[in-house]
Amino acid sequence: MKNTSISIRMDSDLKERTENILEQFGLNMTTVVNMLFHQIVREQAIPLSLTLKSKGYAMDELNSAKADRMAGYAGRTAESVAEDMERIIAEAGHGATKL
């Protein structure tokens, strides 16, 4: 497999806020973009849910995640999530595809 690089432009504040959230999951932007692209290929769809939920919804979710961390939940690595995804796919009889 040959790797390639892509470049995107985004607001620097958005980038920083995104990186801060991803860090809490033990992820980085490259990993998340690769996960997104794998899902697009696998599902033949763009996995986005567009909604008009209240602005406070995201903050509620972040506060809940923060409370979990303060209670001792350390989160999971991207590798651990990918391994579980591969196992679940294999168990479903679709054959494991390396992410």
Protein backbone atom coordinates (compact mmCIF):
# COMPACT_ATOMS: atom_id res chain seq x y z
CA MET A 1 0.00 0.00 0.00
CA LYS A 2 1.39 3.36 -1.02
CA ASN A 3 0.63 6.34 1.22
CA THR A 4 -0.19 9.78 -0.10
CA SER A 5 -0.71 13.15 1.54
CA ILE A 6 -3.65 15.50 1.25
CA SER A 7 -3.87 19.12 2.28
CA ILE A 8 -6.95 21.00 3.47
CA ARG A 9 -7.60 24.57 4.47
CA MET A 10 -9.58 25.30 7.58
CA ASP A 11 -10.03 28.01 10.15
CA SER A 12 -7.19 27.81 12.68
CA ASP A 13 -9.61 28.09 15.63
CA LEU A 14 -11.71 25.22 14.27
CA LYS A 15 -8.55 23.12 13.81
CA GLU A 16 -7.41 23.76 17.38
CA ARG A 17 -10.85 23.03 18.86
CA THR A 18 -11.10 19.84 16.81
CA GLU A 19 -7.64 18.65 17.86
CA ASN A 20 -8.52 19.29 21.52
CA ILE A 21 -11.62 17.12 21.25
CA LEU A 22 -9.88 14.36 19.30
CA GLU A 23 -7.07 14.29 21.87
CA GLN A 24 -9.65 13.41 24.52
CA PHE A 25 -10.48 10.30 22.45
CA GLY A 26 -6.81 9.45 21.96
CA LEU A 27 -7.10 10.28 18.25
CA ASN A 28 -5.47 12.69 15.83
CA MET A 29 -6.77 14.33 12.66
CA THR A 30 -5.01 11.89 10.32
CA THR A 31 -6.56 8.88 12.04
CA VAL A 32 -10.05 10.38 12.00
CA VAL A 33 -9.82 11.38 8.33
CA ASN A 34 -8.65 7.86 7.45
CA MET A 35 -11.52 6.37 9.48
CA LEU A 36 -13.96 8.66 7.64
CA PHE A 37 -12.61 7.71 4.21
CA HIS A 38 -12.71 3.98 5.04
CA GLN A 39 -16.33 4.33 6.11
CA ILE A 40 -17.22 6.25 2.94
CA VAL A 41 -15.73 3.48 0.80
CA ARG A 42 -17.27 0.68 2.86
CA GLU A 43 -20.76 2.20 3.05
CA GLN A 44 -20.72 3.94 -0.34
CA ALA A 45 -22.19 6.95 1.48
CA ILE A 46 -21.08 10.03 3.37
CA PRO A 47 -21.62 9.17 7.05
CA LEU A 48 -22.85 12.54 8.25
CA SER A 49 -26.03 13.30 10.09
CA LEU A 50 -27.24 16.84 9.54
CA THR A 51 -29.37 18.16 12.38
CA LEU A 52 -30.58 21.38 13.91
CA LYS A 53 -30.05 20.25 17.51
CA SER A 54 -29.62 22.95 20.10
CA LYS A 55 -26.19 24.52 20.54
CA GLY A 56 -26.04 23.22 24.11
CA TYR A 57 -26.22 19.59 22.99
CA ALA A 58 -22.54 19.36 22.05
CA MET A 59 -21.50 21.02 25.29
CA ASP A 60 -23.64 18.55 27.26
CA GLU A 61 -21.87 15.67 25.51
CA LEU A 62 -18.43 17.17 26.22
CA ASN A 63 -19.31 17.75 29.87
CA SER A 64 -20.48 14.14 30.16
CA ALA A 65 -17.22 12.90 28.61
CA LYS A 66 -15.24 15.13 30.99
CA ALA A 67 -17.14 13.72 33.98
CA ASP A 68 -16.38 10.18 32.76
CA ARG A 69 -12.66 10.99 32.53
CA MET A 70 -12.65 12.55 35.98
CA ALA A 71 -14.29 9.37 37.30
CA GLY A 72 -11.39 7.33 35.96
CA TYR A 73 -12.38 6.45 32.38
CA ALA A 74 -9.18 6.76 30.34
CA GLY A 75 -10.72 6.29 26.89
CA ARG A 76 -9.44 4.06 24.12
CA THR A 77 -6.72 4.29 21.54
CA ALA A 78 -7.57 4.46 17.84
CA GLU A 79 -5.76 1.14 17.39
CA SER A 80 -8.00 -0.52 19.97
CA VAL A 81 -11.13 0.80 18.26
CA ALA A 82 -9.86 -0.34 14.84
CA GLU A 83 -9.07 -3.82 16.19
CA ASP A 84 -12.58 -4.12 17.64
CA MET A 85 -14.09 -2.96 14.35
CA GLU A 86 -12.10 -5.57 12.42
CA ARG A 87 -13.16 -8.30 14.87
CA ILE A 88 -16.83 -7.31 14.61
CA ILE A 89 -16.66 -7.27 10.81
CA ALA A 90 -15.00 -10.70 10.79
CA GLU A 91 -17.59 -12.11 13.20
CA ALA A 92 -20.38 -10.77 11.01
CA GLY A 93 -19.04 -12.96 8.20
CA HIS A 94 -17.96 -10.13 5.96
CA GLY A 95 -14.25 -10.81 6.37
CA ALA A 96 -11.94 -8.45 8.21
CA THR A 97 -10.59 -5.54 6.22
CA LYS A 98 -7.49 -3.85 7.59
CA LEU A 99 -8.16 -0.21 8.40
